[in-house]
C-alpha atoms as a PDB file:
ATOM      1  CA  MET A   1      31.487 116.112 113.741  1.00  0.00           C
ATOM      2  CA  THR A   2      30.667 119.303 115.581  1.00  0.00           C
ATOM      3  CA  TYR A   3      29.321 119.874 119.094  1.00  0.00           C
ATOM      4  CA  ASP A   4      27.286 122.989 119.844  1.00  0.00           C
ATOM      5  CA  GLY A   5      26.715 122.486 123.587  1.00  0.00           C
ATOM      6  CA  ALA A   6      23.271 120.952 123.100  1.00  0.00           C
ATOM      7  CA  GLY A   7      24.010 118.081 120.727  1.00  0.00           C
ATOM      8  CA  TYR A   8      26.090 116.823 117.840  1.00  0.00           C
ATOM      9  CA  ASP A   9      26.050 117.174 114.065  1.00  0.00           C
ATOM     10  CA  LEU A  10      27.531 114.279 112.089  1.00  0.00           C
ATOM     11  CA  GLU A  11      28.020 113.851 108.372  1.00  0.00           C
ATOM     12  CA  ILE A  12      27.902 110.237 107.257  1.00  0.00           C
ATOM     13  CA  GLY A  13      29.246 108.540 104.162  1.00  0.00           C
ATOM     14  CA  LEU A  14      32.707 107.949 102.821  1.00  0.00           C
ATOM     15  CA  PRO A  15      34.620 111.100 101.812  1.00  0.00           C
ATOM     16  CA  PRO A  16      34.199 112.902  99.542  1.00  0.00           C
ATOM     17  CA  HIS A  17      30.675 111.545  99.014  1.00  0.00           C
ATOM     18  CA  LYS A  18      28.812 112.410 102.189  1.00  0.00           C
ATOM     19  CA  THR A  19      25.320 110.915 102.115  1.00  0.00           C
ATOM     20  CA  ALA A  20      23.526 112.597 105.017  1.00  0.00           C
ATOM     21  CA  ARG A  21      23.664 114.875 108.028  1.00  0.00           C
ATOM     22  CA  VAL A  22      22.604 113.485 111.404  1.00  0.00           C
ATOM     23  CA  ALA A  23      21.710 116.004 114.108  1.00  0.00           C
ATOM     24  CA  TRP A  24      21.457 114.858 117.736  1.00  0.00           C
ATOM     25  CA  ARG A  25      19.848 117.355 120.111  1.00  0.00           C
ATOM     26  CA  ILE A  26      19.378 117.187 123.869  1.00  0.00           C
ATOM     27  CA  LYS A  27      16.863 119.504 125.521  1.00  0.00           C
ATOM     28  CA  ALA A  28      16.453 119.864 129.287  1.00  0.00           C
ATOM     29  CA  LEU A  29      12.854 119.420 130.444  1.00  0.00           C
ATOM     30  CA  GLY A  30      13.610 120.012 134.112  1.00  0.00           C
ATOM     31  CA  GLU A  31      16.104 118.764 136.666  1.00  0.00           C
ATOM     32  CA  GLN A  32      15.255 115.080 136.211  1.00  0.00           C
ATOM     33  CA  ARG A  33      14.152 114.915 132.568  1.00  0.00           C
ATOM     34  CA  SER A  34      15.506 115.587 129.124  1.00  0.00           C
ATOM     35  CA  GLU A  35      14.484 114.985 125.541  1.00  0.00           C
ATOM     36  CA  LEU A  36      16.709 113.451 122.867  1.00  0.00           C
ATOM     37  CA  SER A  37      15.920 113.994 119.197  1.00  0.00           C
ATOM     38  CA  ILE A  38      17.735 112.603 116.180  1.00  0.00           C
ATOM     39  CA  GLU A  39      17.143 114.102 112.733  1.00  0.00           C
ATOM     40  CA  VAL A  40      18.558 112.518 109.573  1.00  0.00           C
ATOM     41  CA  THR A  41      18.742 114.696 106.449  1.00  0.00           C
ATOM     42  CA  PRO A  42      19.845 112.875 103.278  1.00  0.00           C
ATOM     43  CA  TYR A  43      21.979 114.774 100.781  1.00  0.00           C
ATOM     44  CA  LEU A  44      20.347 114.497  97.363  1.00  0.00           C
ATOM     45  CA  LYS A  45      21.295 116.072  94.066  1.00  0.00           C
ATOM     46  CA  SER A  46      18.886 118.852  93.174  1.00  0.00           C
ATOM     47  CA  ASP A  47      18.560 117.718  89.555  1.00  0.00           C
ATOM     48  CA  LEU A  48      17.094 114.306  90.456  1.00  0.00           C
ATOM     49  CA  SER A  49      13.424 113.652  89.762  1.00  0.00           C
ATOM     50  CA  GLU A  50      11.122 113.219  92.754  1.00  0.00           C
ATOM     51  CA  HIS A  51      10.809 109.516  91.894  1.00  0.00           C
ATOM     52  CA  CYS A  52      14.610 109.077  91.941  1.00  0.00           C
ATOM     53  CA  LYS A  53      14.901 110.967  95.240  1.00  0.00           C
ATOM     54  CA  GLN A  54      12.251 108.793  96.878  1.00  0.00           C
ATOM     55  CA  SER A  55      13.841 105.622  95.524  1.00  0.00           C
ATOM     56  CA  TYR A  56      17.271 106.707  96.796  1.00  0.00           C
ATOM     57  CA  GLU A  57      15.900 107.550 100.247  1.00  0.00           C
ATOM     58  CA  ARG A  58      14.137 104.179 100.538  1.00  0.00           C
ATOM     59  CA  ARG A  59      17.176 102.243  99.312  1.00  0.00           C
ATOM     60  CA  PHE A  60      19.830 103.935 101.436  1.00  0.00           C
ATOM     61  CA  PHE A  61      17.919 105.220 104.427  1.00  0.00           C
ATOM     62  CA  GLY A  62      14.744 103.162 104.927  1.00  0.00           C
ATOM     63  CA  ASP A  63      15.683 100.018 106.866  1.00  0.00           C
ATOM     64  CA  SER A  64      19.177 101.306 107.567  1.00  0.00           C
ATOM     65  CA  ILE A  65      17.928 104.320 109.523  1.00  0.00           C
ATOM     66  CA  ALA A  66      15.462 102.183 111.483  1.00  0.00           C
ATOM     67  CA  GLN A  67      18.364  99.878 112.401  1.00  0.00           C
ATOM     68  CA  TYR A  68      20.498 102.888 113.387  1.00  0.00           C
ATOM     69  CA  LEU A  69      17.784 104.391 115.572  1.00  0.00           C
ATOM     70  CA  ASP A  70      17.286 101.017 117.262  1.00  0.00           C
ATOM     71  CA  SER A  71      21.017 100.757 117.962  1.00  0.00           C
ATOM     72  CA  VAL A  72      21.107 104.085 119.832  1.00  0.00           C
ATOM     73  CA  ARG A  73      19.454 102.374 122.796  1.00  0.00           C
ATOM     74  CA  GLY A  74      22.792 102.951 124.500  1.00  0.00           C
ATOM     75  CA  VAL A  75      21.610 106.440 125.428  1.00  0.00           C
ATOM     76  CA  ASP A  76      18.867 104.917 127.592  1.00  0.00           C
ATOM     77  CA  HIS A  77      21.335 102.375 128.993  1.00  0.00           C
ATOM     78  CA  VAL A  78      23.678 105.115 130.243  1.00  0.00           C
ATOM     79  CA  ALA A  79      20.805 107.203 131.627  1.00  0.00           C
ATOM     80  CA  VAL A  80      19.255 104.288 133.523  1.00  0.00           C
ATOM     81  CA  THR A  81      22.333 102.356 134.693  1.00  0.00           C
ATOM     82  CA  GLY A  82      25.075 104.990 134.703  1.00  0.00           C
ATOM     83  CA  GLN A  83      27.326 102.442 132.986  1.00  0.00           C
ATOM     84  CA  ALA A  84      29.262 103.123 129.801  1.00  0.00           C
ATOM     85  CA  VAL A  85      28.190 101.390 126.605  1.00  0.00           C
ATOM     86  CA  ARG A  86      30.617  98.898 125.082  1.00  0.00           C
ATOM     87  CA  LYS A  87      31.414  99.188 121.392  1.00  0.00           C
ATOM     88  CA  ASN A  88      28.564  97.666 119.346  1.00  0.00           C
ATOM     89  CA  GLN A  89      26.780  96.567 122.554  1.00  0.00           C
ATOM     90  CA  PHE A  90      23.420  97.241 120.925  1.00  0.00           C
ATOM     91  CA  GLY A  91      24.323  96.001 117.462  1.00  0.00           C
ATOM     92  CA  THR A  92      26.355  97.131 114.494  1.00  0.00           C
ATOM     93  CA  HIS A  93      25.449  99.432 111.644  1.00  0.00           C
ATOM     94  CA  PRO A  94      27.060  99.556 108.180  1.00  0.00           C
ATOM     95  CA  PHE A  95      27.403 103.382 108.260  1.00  0.00           C
ATOM     96  CA  PHE A  96      28.676 103.783 111.817  1.00  0.00           C
ATOM     97  CA  SER A  97      30.467 100.592 112.905  1.00  0.00           C
ATOM     98  CA  ASP A  98      33.941  99.589 111.857  1.00  0.00           C
END
């Protein structure tokens, strides 16, 4: 994981087989507002056919990514309440929870 002052970059998947890069970015929109974006880029072998790539993305990232994005509701929780998020407070995820 790296932090560049405006967000985080994470690589997910068990070493040495990383499966994707997740980039979190926070952009100030004024004194009272900010924007959070999350971009998930799957790592795919370049020699795979387009059909295989699409199948892989659906299988490993379709529902799983939707579940992950839903579980990051903790960001809103901290912003609104000022309270820390407890581990797995908004659910678990097979890639990110232990």
